[in-house]
Amino acid sequence: MSEDGKVALPDLEKGGAQADTPAATEPEGPTTRIAADLEAVFDVPVQVSAVLGRARMEIGDLLKLGPGTVLELDRKVGEAIDIYVNNRLVARGEVVLVEEKLGVTMTEIIRAERT
């Protein structure tokens, strides 16, 4: 713990402790992480969205929409859909049918650059 009462957290990107804290004894080589390492955040709710496509229109046209209206989206049939977690793009996938319900299977994980 530092003088201001804050606890230094490990840098998970590098797989070790921060430079200003004493390093724990770790085996040489790559560190293997398992799901149990994240057990503390398993109950944190997140919002997951699967975006089939987008459309842009004027409010007047939006108000004219009704049942049976076909809305043209910016994607083609068979094109990957975007999967967002808390409004951040994390993956791309395909729509699947599972026991008469729509689902999404991930085909590509998006690795975001940290700033």
PDB file of N, CA and C in Angstrom:
ATOM      1  N   MET A   1       0.857  -1.173   0.000  1.00  0.00           N
ATOM      2  CA  MET A   1       0.000   0.000   0.000  1.00  0.00           C
ATOM      3  C   MET A   1       0.896   1.227   0.000  1.00  0.00           C
ATOM      4  N   SER A   2       0.561   2.236  -0.781  1.00  0.00           N
ATOM      5  CA  SER A   2       1.376   3.441  -0.853  1.00  0.00           C
ATOM      6  C   SER A   2       1.001   4.392   0.277  1.00  0.00           C
ATOM      7  N   GLU A   3       1.740   5.491   0.375  1.00  0.00           N
ATOM      8  CA  GLU A   3       1.517   6.461   1.451  1.00  0.00           C
ATOM      9  C   GLU A   3       0.128   7.084   1.402  1.00  0.00           C
ATOM     10  N   ASP A   4      -0.456   7.216   0.199  1.00  0.00           N
ATOM     11  CA  ASP A   4      -1.773   7.845   0.082  1.00  0.00           C
ATOM     12  C   ASP A   4      -2.910   6.848   0.310  1.00  0.00           C
ATOM     13  N   GLY A   5      -2.591   5.602   0.695  1.00  0.00           N
ATOM     14  CA  GLY A   5      -3.608   4.624   1.021  1.00  0.00           C
ATOM     15  C   GLY A   5      -4.108   3.821  -0.167  1.00  0.00           C
ATOM     16  N   LYS A   6      -3.545   4.040  -1.357  1.00  0.00           N
ATOM     17  CA  LYS A   6      -3.982   3.314  -2.539  1.00  0.00           C
ATOM     18  C   LYS A   6      -3.160   2.045  -2.712  1.00  0.00           C
ATOM     19  N   VAL A   7      -3.812   1.011  -3.192  1.00  0.00           N
ATOM     20  CA  VAL A   7      -3.147  -0.263  -3.430  1.00  0.00           C
ATOM     21  C   VAL A   7      -2.774  -0.343  -4.904  1.00  0.00           C
ATOM     22  N   ALA A   8      -1.517  -0.663  -5.186  1.00  0.00           N
ATOM     23  CA  ALA A   8      -1.079  -0.806  -6.576  1.00  0.00           C
ATOM     24  C   ALA A   8      -1.644  -2.099  -7.142  1.00  0.00           C
ATOM     25  N   LEU A   9      -2.267  -2.015  -8.322  1.00  0.00           N
ATOM     26  CA  LEU A   9      -2.851  -3.179  -8.968  1.00  0.00           C
ATOM     27  C   LEU A   9      -1.901  -3.733 -10.018  1.00  0.00           C
ATOM     28  N   PRO A  10      -1.937  -5.038 -10.261  1.00  0.00           N
ATOM     29  CA  PRO A  10      -1.054  -5.618 -11.273  1.00  0.00           C
ATOM     30  C   PRO A  10      -1.464  -5.166 -12.668  1.00  0.00           C
ATOM     31  N   ASP A  11      -0.496  -5.074 -13.563  1.00  0.00           N
ATOM     32  CA  ASP A  11      -0.747  -4.748 -14.963  1.00  0.00           C
ATOM     33  C   ASP A  11      -1.090  -6.043 -15.666  1.00  0.00           C
ATOM     34  N   LEU A  12      -2.388  -6.285 -15.919  1.00  0.00           N
ATOM     35  CA  LEU A  12      -2.826  -7.541 -16.506  1.00  0.00           C
ATOM     36  C   LEU A  12      -2.384  -7.696 -17.948  1.00  0.00           C
ATOM     37  N   GLU A  13      -2.107  -6.612 -18.645  1.00  0.00           N
ATOM     38  CA  GLU A  13      -1.633  -6.687 -20.024  1.00  0.00           C
ATOM     39  C   GLU A  13      -0.257  -7.328 -20.088  1.00  0.00           C
ATOM     40  N   LYS A  14       0.585  -7.039 -19.083  1.00  0.00           N
ATOM     41  CA  LYS A  14       1.948  -7.561 -19.077  1.00  0.00           C
ATOM     42  C   LYS A  14       2.062  -8.822 -18.241  1.00  0.00           C
ATOM     43  N   GLY A  15       0.986  -9.158 -17.516  1.00  0.00           N
ATOM     44  CA  GLY A  15       0.981 -10.391 -16.747  1.00  0.00           C
ATOM     45  C   GLY A  15       1.815 -10.359 -15.484  1.00  0.00           C
ATOM     46  N   GLY A  16       2.087  -9.183 -14.926  1.00  0.00           N
ATOM     47  CA  GLY A  16       2.900  -9.111 -13.715  1.00  0.00           C
ATOM     48  C   GLY A  16       2.529  -7.924 -12.882  1.00  0.00           C
ATOM     49  N   ALA A  17       3.332  -7.667 -11.853  1.00  0.00           N
ATOM     50  CA  ALA A  17       3.098  -6.535 -10.969  1.00  0.00           C
ATOM     51  C   ALA A  17       3.610  -5.261 -11.617  1.00  0.00           C
ATOM     52  N   GLN A  18       3.143  -4.109 -11.116  1.00  0.00           N
ATOM     53  CA  GLN A  18       3.600  -2.828 -11.649  1.00  0.00           C
ATOM     54  C   GLN A  18       5.060  -2.619 -11.304  1.00  0.00           C
ATOM     55  N   ALA A  19       5.719  -1.757 -12.059  1.00  0.00           N
ATOM     56  CA  ALA A  19       7.155  -1.549 -11.907  1.00  0.00           C
ATOM     57  C   ALA A  19       7.534  -1.009 -10.535  1.00  0.00           C
ATOM     58  N   ASP A  20       6.657  -0.199  -9.887  1.00  0.00           N
ATOM     59  CA  ASP A  20       7.019   0.415  -8.625  1.00  0.00           C
ATOM     60  C   ASP A  20       6.677  -0.453  -7.412  1.00  0.00           C
ATOM     61  N   THR A  21       6.221  -1.681  -7.626  1.00  0.00           N
ATOM     62  CA  THR A  21       5.940  -2.581  -6.527  1.00  0.00           C
ATOM     63  C   THR A  21       6.897  -3.752  -6.604  1.00  0.00           C
ATOM     64  N   PRO A  22       7.226  -4.338  -5.464  1.00  0.00           N
ATOM     65  CA  PRO A  22       8.135  -5.482  -5.503  1.00  0.00           C
ATOM     66  C   PRO A  22       7.515  -6.615  -6.303  1.00  0.00           C
ATOM     67  N   ALA A  23       8.318  -7.249  -7.126  1.00  0.00           N
ATOM     68  CA  ALA A  23       7.811  -8.332  -7.966  1.00  0.00           C
ATOM     69  C   ALA A  23       7.646  -9.590  -7.133  1.00  0.00           C
ATOM     70  N   ALA A  24       6.510 -10.268  -7.339  1.00  0.00           N
ATOM     71  CA  ALA A  24       6.293 -11.543  -6.665  1.00  0.00           C
ATOM     72  C   ALA A  24       7.133 -12.594  -7.364  1.00  0.00           C
ATOM     73  N   THR A  25       7.434 -13.654  -6.648  1.00  0.00           N
ATOM     74  CA  THR A  25       8.215 -14.726  -7.250  1.00  0.00           C
ATOM     75  C   THR A  25       7.328 -15.449  -8.247  1.00  0.00           C
ATOM     76  N   GLU A  26       7.680 -15.371  -9.518  1.00  0.00           N
ATOM     77  CA  GLU A  26       6.912 -16.004 -10.575  1.00  0.00           C
ATOM     78  C   GLU A  26       7.828 -16.877 -11.400  1.00  0.00           C
ATOM     79  N   PRO A  27       7.300 -17.969 -11.924  1.00  0.00           N
ATOM     80  CA  PRO A  27       8.115 -18.809 -12.785  1.00  0.00           C
ATOM     81  C   PRO A  27       8.482 -18.068 -14.066  1.00  0.00           C
ATOM     82  N   GLU A  28       9.636 -18.393 -14.617  1.00  0.00           N
ATOM     83  CA  GLU A  28      10.065 -17.792 -15.881  1.00  0.00           C
ATOM     84  C   GLU A  28       9.160 -18.275 -17.009  1.00  0.00           C
ATOM     85  N   GLY A  29       8.991 -17.450 -18.048  1.00  0.00           N
ATOM     86  CA  GLY A  29       8.204 -17.842 -19.212  1.00  0.00           C
ATOM     87  C   GLY A  29       6.808 -17.248 -19.162  1.00  0.00           C
ATOM     88  N   PRO A  30       5.974 -17.604 -20.132  1.00  0.00           N
ATOM     89  CA  PRO A  30       4.636 -17.026 -20.223  1.00  0.00           C
ATOM     90  C   PRO A  30       3.751 -17.460 -19.052  1.00  0.00           C
ATOM     91  N   THR A  31       2.901 -16.541 -18.594  1.00  0.00           N
ATOM     92  CA  THR A  31       1.979 -16.817 -17.507  1.00  0.00           C
ATOM     93  C   THR A  31       0.662 -17.295 -18.094  1.00  0.00           C
ATOM     94  N   THR A  32       0.160 -18.416 -17.590  1.00  0.00           N
ATOM     95  CA  THR A  32      -1.119 -18.941 -18.059  1.00  0.00           C
ATOM     96  C   THR A  32      -2.216 -18.412 -17.160  1.00  0.00           C
ATOM     97  N   ARG A  33      -3.243 -17.820 -17.757  1.00  0.00           N
ATOM     98  CA  ARG A  33      -4.382 -17.298 -17.005  1.00  0.00           C
ATOM     99  C   ARG A  33      -5.574 -18.212 -17.248  1.00  0.00           C
ATOM    100  N   ILE A  34      -6.374 -18.404 -16.204  1.00  0.00           N
ATOM    101  CA  ILE A  34      -7.574 -19.207 -16.331  1.00  0.00           C
ATOM    102  C   ILE A  34      -8.766 -18.370 -15.888  1.00  0.00           C
ATOM    103  N   ALA A  35      -9.974 -18.849 -16.200  1.00  0.00           N
ATOM    104  CA  ALA A  35     -11.185 -18.108 -15.865  1.00  0.00           C
ATOM    105  C   ALA A  35     -11.296 -17.841 -14.370  1.00  0.00           C
ATOM    106  N   ALA A  36     -10.795 -18.725 -13.544  1.00  0.00           N
ATOM    107  CA  ALA A  36     -10.880 -18.536 -12.090  1.00  0.00           C
ATOM    108  C   ALA A  36     -10.135 -17.284 -11.636  1.00  0.00           C
ATOM    109  N   ASP A  37      -9.154 -16.810 -12.430  1.00  0.00           N
ATOM    110  CA  ASP A  37      -8.435 -15.580 -12.093  1.00  0.00           C
ATOM    111  C   ASP A  37      -9.367 -14.373 -12.081  1.00  0.00           C
ATOM    112  N   LEU A  38     -10.482 -14.460 -12.781  1.00  0.00           N
ATOM    113  CA  LEU A  38     -11.430 -13.347 -12.882  1.00  0.00           C
ATOM    114  C   LEU A  38     -12.671 -13.554 -12.018  1.00  0.00           C
ATOM    115  N   GLU A  39     -12.623 -14.501 -11.109  1.00  0.00           N
ATOM    116  CA  GLU A  39     -13.794 -14.856 -10.326  1.00  0.00           C
ATOM    117  C   GLU A  39     -14.419 -13.665  -9.599  1.00  0.00           C
ATOM    118  N   ALA A  40     -13.638 -12.685  -9.213  1.00  0.00           N
ATOM    119  CA  ALA A  40     -14.148 -11.519  -8.488  1.00  0.00           C
ATOM    120  C   ALA A  40     -15.114 -10.685  -9.326  1.00  0.00           C
ATOM    121  N   VAL A  41     -15.043 -10.784 -10.650  1.00  0.00           N
ATOM    122  CA  VAL A  41     -15.917  -9.963 -11.498  1.00  0.00           C
ATOM    123  C   VAL A  41     -17.000 -10.778 -12.205  1.00  0.00           C
ATOM    124  N   PHE A  42     -17.145 -12.056 -11.871  1.00  0.00           N
ATOM    125  CA  PHE A  42     -18.139 -12.902 -12.532  1.00  0.00           C
ATOM    126  C   PHE A  42     -19.561 -12.369 -12.393  1.00  0.00           C
ATOM    127  N   ASP A  43     -19.891 -11.702 -11.295  1.00  0.00           N
ATOM    128  CA  ASP A  43     -21.252 -11.225 -11.056  1.00  0.00           C
ATOM    129  C   ASP A  43     -21.490  -9.801 -11.530  1.00  0.00           C
ATOM    130  N   VAL A  44     -20.521  -9.167 -12.167  1.00  0.00           N
ATOM    131  CA  VAL A  44     -20.685  -7.790 -12.647  1.00  0.00           C
ATOM    132  C   VAL A  44     -21.523  -7.825 -13.924  1.00  0.00           C
ATOM    133  N   PRO A  45     -22.675  -7.142 -13.940  1.00  0.00           N
ATOM    134  CA  PRO A  45     -23.522  -7.154 -15.143  1.00  0.00           C
ATOM    135  C   PRO A  45     -22.926  -6.302 -16.254  1.00  0.00           C
ATOM    136  N   VAL A  46     -23.065  -6.774 -17.492  1.00  0.00           N
ATOM    137  CA  VAL A  46     -22.635  -6.030 -18.668  1.00  0.00           C
ATOM    138  C   VAL A  46     -23.762  -6.067 -19.695  1.00  0.00           C
ATOM    139  N   GLN A  47     -23.778  -5.099 -20.582  1.00  0.00           N
ATOM    140  CA  GLN A  47     -24.770  -5.045 -21.644  1.00  0.00           C
ATOM    141  C   GLN A  47     -24.127  -5.586 -22.921  1.00  0.00           C
ATOM    142  N   VAL A  48     -24.729  -6.623 -23.494  1.00  0.00           N
ATOM    143  CA  VAL A  48     -24.224  -7.231 -24.718  1.00  0.00           C
ATOM    144  C   VAL A  48     -25.213  -6.932 -25.833  1.00  0.00           C
ATOM    145  N   SER A  49     -24.701  -6.406 -26.961  1.00  0.00           N
ATOM    146  CA  SER A  49     -25.542  -6.082 -28.115  1.00  0.00           C
ATOM    147  C   SER A  49     -24.963  -6.736 -29.355  1.00  0.00           C
ATOM    148  N   ALA A  50     -25.831  -7.303 -30.175  1.00  0.00           N
ATOM    149  CA  ALA A  50     -25.427  -7.857 -31.469  1.00  0.00           C
ATOM    150  C   ALA A  50     -26.098  -6.999 -32.535  1.00  0.00           C
ATOM    151  N   VAL A  51     -25.309  -6.278 -33.304  1.00  0.00           N
ATOM    152  CA  VAL A  51     -25.842  -5.314 -34.271  1.00  0.00           C
ATOM    153  C   VAL A  51     -25.862  -5.948 -35.655  1.00  0.00           C
ATOM    154  N   LEU A  52     -27.062  -6.144 -36.180  1.00  0.00           N
ATOM    155  CA  LEU A  52     -27.224  -6.713 -37.516  1.00  0.00           C
ATOM    156  C   LEU A  52     -26.838  -5.721 -38.600  1.00  0.00           C
ATOM    157  N   GLY A  53     -27.081  -4.469 -38.358  1.00  0.00           N
ATOM    158  CA  GLY A  53     -26.777  -3.423 -39.323  1.00  0.00           C
ATOM    159  C   GLY A  53     -27.365  -2.110 -38.847  1.00  0.00           C
ATOM    160  N   ARG A  54     -27.137  -1.063 -39.626  1.00  0.00           N
ATOM    161  CA  ARG A  54     -27.622   0.270 -39.260  1.00  0.00           C
ATOM    162  C   ARG A  54     -28.298   0.910 -40.459  1.00  0.00           C
ATOM    163  N   ALA A  55     -29.170   1.841 -40.152  1.00  0.00           N
ATOM    164  CA  ALA A  55     -29.829   2.626 -41.189  1.00  0.00           C
ATOM    165  C   ALA A  55     -29.932   4.059 -40.705  1.00  0.00           C
ATOM    166  N   ARG A  56     -29.877   4.991 -41.636  1.00  0.00           N
ATOM    167  CA  ARG A  56     -29.981   6.408 -41.292  1.00  0.00           C
ATOM    168  C   ARG A  56     -31.194   6.959 -42.032  1.00  0.00           C
ATOM    169  N   MET A  57     -32.017   7.731 -41.321  1.00  0.00           N
ATOM    170  CA  MET A  57     -33.202   8.302 -41.952  1.00  0.00           C
ATOM    171  C   MET A  57     -33.638   9.556 -41.206  1.00  0.00           C
ATOM    172  N   GLU A  58     -34.488  10.298 -41.847  1.00  0.00           N
ATOM    173  CA  GLU A  58     -35.038  11.506 -41.226  1.00  0.00           C
ATOM    174  C   GLU A  58     -36.173  11.114 -40.290  1.00  0.00           C
ATOM    175  N   ILE A  59     -36.445  11.973 -39.309  1.00  0.00           N
ATOM    176  CA  ILE A  59     -37.480  11.694 -38.320  1.00  0.00           C
ATOM    177  C   ILE A  59     -38.838  11.509 -38.995  1.00  0.00           C
ATOM    178  N   GLY A  60     -39.116  12.281 -40.010  1.00  0.00           N
ATOM    179  CA  GLY A  60     -40.393  12.151 -40.727  1.00  0.00           C
ATOM    180  C   GLY A  60     -40.564  10.762 -41.322  1.00  0.00           C
ATOM    181  N   ASP A  61     -39.484  10.213 -41.894  1.00  0.00           N
ATOM    182  CA  ASP A  61     -39.537   8.859 -42.449  1.00  0.00           C
ATOM    183  C   ASP A  61     -39.664   7.814 -41.344  1.00  0.00           C
ATOM    184  N   LEU A  62     -39.014   8.054 -40.218  1.00  0.00           N
ATOM    185  CA  LEU A  62     -39.097   7.140 -39.088  1.00  0.00           C
ATOM    186  C   LEU A  62     -40.539   7.037 -38.587  1.00  0.00           C
ATOM    187  N   LEU A  63     -41.230   8.168 -38.533  1.00  0.00           N
ATOM    188  CA  LEU A  63     -42.609   8.170 -38.045  1.00  0.00           C
ATOM    189  C   LEU A  63     -43.561   7.470 -39.000  1.00  0.00           C
ATOM    190  N   LYS A  64     -43.181   7.301 -40.249  1.00  0.00           N
ATOM    191  CA  LYS A  64     -44.025   6.620 -41.236  1.00  0.00           C
ATOM    192  C   LYS A  64     -43.885   5.101 -41.188  1.00  0.00           C
ATOM    193  N   LEU A  65     -42.895   4.590 -40.444  1.00  0.00           N
ATOM    194  CA  LEU A  65     -42.699   3.146 -40.363  1.00  0.00           C
ATOM    195  C   LEU A  65     -43.865   2.483 -39.644  1.00  0.00           C
ATOM    196  N   GLY A  66     -44.227   1.311 -40.092  1.00  0.00           N
ATOM    197  CA  GLY A  66     -45.314   0.561 -39.467  1.00  0.00           C
ATOM    198  C   GLY A  66     -45.061  -0.926 -39.599  1.00  0.00           C
ATOM    199  N   PRO A  67     -45.989  -1.731 -39.089  1.00  0.00           N
ATOM    200  CA  PRO A  67     -45.832  -3.189 -39.188  1.00  0.00           C
ATOM    201  C   PRO A  67     -45.671  -3.620 -40.649  1.00  0.00           C
ATOM    202  N   GLY A  68     -44.722  -4.493 -40.902  1.00  0.00           N
ATOM    203  CA  GLY A  68     -44.490  -4.999 -42.248  1.00  0.00           C
ATOM    204  C   GLY A  68     -43.539  -4.168 -43.081  1.00  0.00           C
ATOM    205  N   THR A  69     -43.119  -3.010 -42.571  1.00  0.00           N
ATOM    206  CA  THR A  69     -42.187  -2.164 -43.310  1.00  0.00           C
ATOM    207  C   THR A  69     -40.815  -2.825 -43.337  1.00  0.00           C
ATOM    208  N   VAL A  70     -40.196  -2.839 -44.513  1.00  0.00           N
ATOM    209  CA  VAL A  70     -38.844  -3.378 -44.642  1.00  0.00           C
ATOM    210  C   VAL A  70     -37.867  -2.222 -44.553  1.00  0.00           C
ATOM    211  N   LEU A  71     -36.918  -2.346 -43.656  1.00  0.00           N
ATOM    212  CA  LEU A  71     -35.926  -1.305 -43.444  1.00  0.00           C
ATOM    213  C   LEU A  71     -34.584  -1.806 -43.976  1.00  0.00           C
ATOM    214  N   GLU A  72     -34.031  -1.121 -44.958  1.00  0.00           N
ATOM    215  CA  GLU A  72     -32.766  -1.535 -45.553  1.00  0.00           C
ATOM    216  C   GLU A  72     -31.613  -1.151 -44.635  1.00  0.00           C
ATOM    217  N   LEU A  73     -30.774  -2.146 -44.322  1.00  0.00           N
ATOM    218  CA  LEU A  73     -29.626  -1.931 -43.451  1.00  0.00           C
ATOM    219  C   LEU A  73     -28.353  -1.828 -44.276  1.00  0.00           C
ATOM    220  N   ASP A  74     -27.258  -1.419 -43.640  1.00  0.00           N
ATOM    221  CA  ASP A  74     -25.989  -1.211 -44.342  1.00  0.00           C
ATOM    222  C   ASP A  74     -25.149  -2.483 -44.453  1.00  0.00           C
ATOM    223  N   ARG A  75     -25.742  -3.649 -44.245  1.00  0.00           N
ATOM    224  CA  ARG A  75     -25.025  -4.919 -44.330  1.00  0.00           C
ATOM    225  C   ARG A  75     -25.656  -5.800 -45.396  1.00  0.00           C
ATOM    226  N   LYS A  76     -24.842  -6.713 -45.909  1.00  0.00           N
ATOM    227  CA  LYS A  76     -25.334  -7.686 -46.880  1.00  0.00           C
ATOM    228  C   LYS A  76     -25.674  -8.985 -46.172  1.00  0.00           C
ATOM    229  N   VAL A  77     -26.494  -9.807 -46.794  1.00  0.00           N
ATOM    230  CA  VAL A  77     -26.836 -11.113 -46.247  1.00  0.00           C
ATOM    231  C   VAL A  77     -25.553 -11.934 -46.106  1.00  0.00           C
ATOM    232  N   GLY A  78     -25.356 -12.550 -44.966  1.00  0.00           N
ATOM    233  CA  GLY A  78     -24.183 -13.376 -44.732  1.00  0.00           C
ATOM    234  C   GLY A  78     -22.983 -12.625 -44.194  1.00  0.00           C
ATOM    235  N   GLU A  79     -23.047 -11.304 -44.187  1.00  0.00           N
ATOM    236  CA  GLU A  79     -21.928 -10.507 -43.662  1.00  0.00           C
ATOM    237  C   GLU A  79     -21.917 -10.596 -42.137  1.00  0.00           C
ATOM    238  N   ALA A  80     -20.736 -10.582 -41.545  1.00  0.00           N
ATOM    239  CA  ALA A  80     -20.596 -10.694 -40.088  1.00  0.00           C
ATOM    240  C   ALA A  80     -21.304  -9.547 -39.379  1.00  0.00           C
ATOM    241  N   ILE A  81     -21.846  -9.850 -38.202  1.00  0.00           N
ATOM    242  CA  ILE A  81     -22.479  -8.826 -37.383  1.00  0.00           C
ATOM    243  C   ILE A  81     -21.499  -8.393 -36.295  1.00  0.00           C
ATOM    244  N   ASP A  82     -21.703  -7.205 -35.765  1.00  0.00           N
ATOM    245  CA  ASP A  82     -20.830  -6.673 -34.714  1.00  0.00           C
ATOM    246  C   ASP A  82     -21.403  -7.027 -33.342  1.00  0.00           C
ATOM    247  N   ILE A  83     -20.532  -7.428 -32.422  1.00  0.00           N
ATOM    248  CA  ILE A  83     -20.931  -7.755 -31.059  1.00  0.00           C
ATOM    249  C   ILE A  83     -20.257  -6.747 -30.127  1.00  0.00           C
ATOM    250  N   TYR A  84     -21.082  -6.035 -29.374  1.00  0.00           N
ATOM    251  CA  TYR A  84     -20.602  -5.001 -28.465  1.00  0.00           C
ATOM    252  C   TYR A  84     -20.844  -5.439 -27.021  1.00  0.00           C
ATOM    253  N   VAL A  85     -19.904  -5.109 -26.136  1.00  0.00           N
ATOM    254  CA  VAL A  85     -20.089  -5.276 -24.701  1.00  0.00           C
ATOM    255  C   VAL A  85     -19.891  -3.895 -24.098  1.00  0.00           C
ATOM    256  N   ASN A  86     -20.928  -3.408 -23.421  1.00  0.00           N
ATOM    257  CA  ASN A  86     -20.924  -2.053 -22.865  1.00  0.00           C
ATOM    258  C   ASN A  86     -20.505  -1.021 -23.919  1.00  0.00           C
ATOM    259  N   ASN A  87     -21.093  -1.106 -25.086  1.00  0.00           N
ATOM    260  CA  ASN A  87     -20.881  -0.177 -26.207  1.00  0.00           C
ATOM    261  C   ASN A  87     -19.458  -0.196 -26.762  1.00  0.00           C
ATOM    262  N   ARG A  88     -18.706  -1.244 -26.504  1.00  0.00           N
ATOM    263  CA  ARG A  88     -17.356  -1.397 -27.065  1.00  0.00           C
ATOM    264  C   ARG A  88     -17.350  -2.628 -27.967  1.00  0.00           C
ATOM    265  N   LEU A  89     -16.904  -2.448 -29.210  1.00  0.00           N
ATOM    266  CA  LEU A  89     -16.827  -3.559 -30.153  1.00  0.00           C
ATOM    267  C   LEU A  89     -15.815  -4.579 -29.649  1.00  0.00           C
ATOM    268  N   VAL A  90     -16.263  -5.825 -29.416  1.00  0.00           N
ATOM    269  CA  VAL A  90     -15.369  -6.850 -28.905  1.00  0.00           C
ATOM    270  C   VAL A  90     -15.240  -8.053 -29.833  1.00  0.00           C
ATOM    271  N   ALA A  91     -16.210  -8.231 -30.737  1.00  0.00           N
ATOM    272  CA  ALA A  91     -16.165  -9.423 -31.590  1.00  0.00           C
ATOM    273  C   ALA A  91     -17.058  -9.230 -32.807  1.00  0.00           C
ATOM    274  N   ARG A  92     -16.903 -10.147 -33.756  1.00  0.00           N
ATOM    275  CA  ARG A  92     -17.809 -10.241 -34.904  1.00  0.00           C
ATOM    276  C   ARG A  92     -18.333 -11.667 -34.922  1.00  0.00           C
ATOM    277  N   GLY A  93     -19.496 -11.861 -35.495  1.00  0.00           N
ATOM    278  CA  GLY A  93     -20.070 -13.195 -35.476  1.00  0.00           C
ATOM    279  C   GLY A  93     -21.128 -13.398 -36.530  1.00  0.00           C
ATOM    280  N   GLU A  94     -21.797 -14.536 -36.422  1.00  0.00           N
ATOM    281  CA  GLU A  94     -22.859 -14.908 -37.355  1.00  0.00           C
ATOM    282  C   GLU A  94     -24.118 -15.222 -36.574  1.00  0.00           C
ATOM    283  N   VAL A  95     -25.266 -14.938 -37.191  1.00  0.00           N
ATOM    284  CA  VAL A  95     -26.550 -15.258 -36.578  1.00  0.00           C
ATOM    285  C   VAL A  95     -26.800 -16.751 -36.750  1.00  0.00           C
ATOM    286  N   VAL A  96     -27.254 -17.394 -35.658  1.00  0.00           N
ATOM    287  CA  VAL A  96     -27.590 -18.814 -35.695  1.00  0.00           C
ATOM    288  C   VAL A  96     -28.975 -19.015 -35.091  1.00  0.00           C
ATOM    289  N   LEU A  97     -29.587 -20.134 -35.424  1.00  0.00           N
ATOM    290  CA  LEU A  97     -30.889 -20.489 -34.866  1.00  0.00           C
ATOM    291  C   LEU A  97     -30.681 -21.635 -33.891  1.00  0.00           C
ATOM    292  N   VAL A  98     -31.076 -21.429 -32.620  1.00  0.00           N
ATOM    293  CA  VAL A  98     -30.916 -22.436 -31.584  1.00  0.00           C
ATOM    294  C   VAL A  98     -32.274 -22.677 -30.955  1.00  0.00           C
ATOM    295  N   GLU A  99     -32.842 -23.861 -31.208  1.00  0.00           N
ATOM    296  CA  GLU A  99     -34.149 -24.222 -30.655  1.00  0.00           C
ATOM    297  C   GLU A  99     -35.183 -23.112 -30.869  1.00  0.00           C
ATOM    298  N   GLU A 100     -35.316 -22.663 -32.087  1.00  0.00           N
ATOM    299  CA  GLU A 100     -36.279 -21.647 -32.513  1.00  0.00           C
ATOM    300  C   GLU A 100     -36.040 -20.271 -31.921  1.00  0.00           C
ATOM    301  N   LYS A 101     -34.836 -20.021 -31.410  1.00  0.00           N
ATOM    302  CA  LYS A 101     -34.448 -18.696 -30.931  1.00  0.00           C
ATOM    303  C   LYS A 101     -33.213 -18.256 -31.686  1.00  0.00           C
ATOM    304  N   LEU A 102     -33.103 -16.949 -31.922  1.00  0.00           N
ATOM    305  CA  LEU A 102     -31.914 -16.427 -32.576  1.00  0.00           C
ATOM    306  C   LEU A 102     -30.769 -16.349 -31.586  1.00  0.00           C
ATOM    307  N   GLY A 103     -29.582 -16.616 -32.068  1.00  0.00           N
ATOM    308  CA  GLY A 103     -28.383 -16.518 -31.256  1.00  0.00           C
ATOM    309  C   GLY A 103     -27.248 -15.999 -32.115  1.00  0.00           C
ATOM    310  N   VAL A 104     -26.098 -15.846 -31.513  1.00  0.00           N
ATOM    311  CA  VAL A 104     -24.922 -15.361 -32.223  1.00  0.00           C
ATOM    312  C   VAL A 104     -23.748 -16.258 -31.869  1.00  0.00           C
ATOM    313  N   THR A 105     -23.011 -16.667 -32.883  1.00  0.00           N
ATOM    314  CA  THR A 105     -21.774 -17.394 -32.641  1.00  0.00           C
ATOM    315  C   THR A 105     -20.618 -16.476 -33.027  1.00  0.00           C
ATOM    316  N   MET A 106     -19.630 -16.350 -32.147  1.00  0.00           N
ATOM    317  CA  MET A 106     -18.496 -15.459 -32.410  1.00  0.00           C
ATOM    318  C   MET A 106     -17.540 -16.122 -33.388  1.00  0.00           C
ATOM    319  N   THR A 107     -17.141 -15.382 -34.396  1.00  0.00           N
ATOM    320  CA  THR A 107     -16.197 -15.898 -35.387  1.00  0.00           C
ATOM    321  C   THR A 107     -14.858 -15.170 -35.338  1.00  0.00           C
ATOM    322  N   GLU A 108     -14.852 -13.991 -34.708  1.00  0.00           N
ATOM    323  CA  GLU A 108     -13.622 -13.187 -34.643  1.00  0.00           C
ATOM    324  C   GLU A 108     -13.648 -12.338 -33.382  1.00  0.00           C
ATOM    325  N   ILE A 109     -12.578 -12.382 -32.602  1.00  0.00           N
ATOM    326  CA  ILE A 109     -12.447 -11.529 -31.416  1.00  0.00           C
ATOM    327  C   ILE A 109     -11.647 -10.297 -31.829  1.00  0.00           C
ATOM    328  N   ILE A 110     -12.148  -9.119 -31.478  1.00  0.00           N
ATOM    329  CA  ILE A 110     -11.480  -7.862 -31.798  1.00  0.00           C
ATOM    330  C   ILE A 110     -10.587  -7.487 -30.628  1.00  0.00           C
ATOM    331  N   ARG A 111      -9.318  -7.389 -30.871  1.00  0.00           N
ATOM    332  CA  ARG A 111      -8.370  -6.991 -29.809  1.00  0.00           C
ATOM    333  C   ARG A 111      -8.164  -5.495 -29.895  1.00  0.00           C
ATOM    334  N   ALA A 112      -8.722  -4.771 -28.931  1.00  0.00           N
ATOM    335  CA  ALA A 112      -8.651  -3.314 -28.917  1.00  0.00           C
ATOM    336  C   ALA A 112      -7.303  -2.861 -28.377  1.00  0.00           C
ATOM    337  N   GLU A 113      -6.764  -1.810 -28.967  1.00  0.00           N
ATOM    338  CA  GLU A 113      -5.532  -1.196 -28.471  1.00  0.00           C
ATOM    339  C   GLU A 113      -5.874  -0.354 -27.259  1.00  0.00           C
ATOM    340  N   ARG A 114      -5.130  -0.503 -26.193  1.00  0.00           N
ATOM    341  CA  ARG A 114      -5.341   0.316 -24.984  1.00  0.00           C
ATOM    342  C   ARG A 114      -4.643   1.642 -25.153  1.00  0.00           C
ATOM    343  N   THR A 115      -5.321   2.713 -24.724  1.00  0.00           N
ATOM    344  CA  THR A 115      -4.719   4.044 -24.827  1.00  0.00           C
ATOM    345  C   THR A 115      -4.327   4.557 -23.462  1.00  0.00           C
TER     346      THR A 115
END
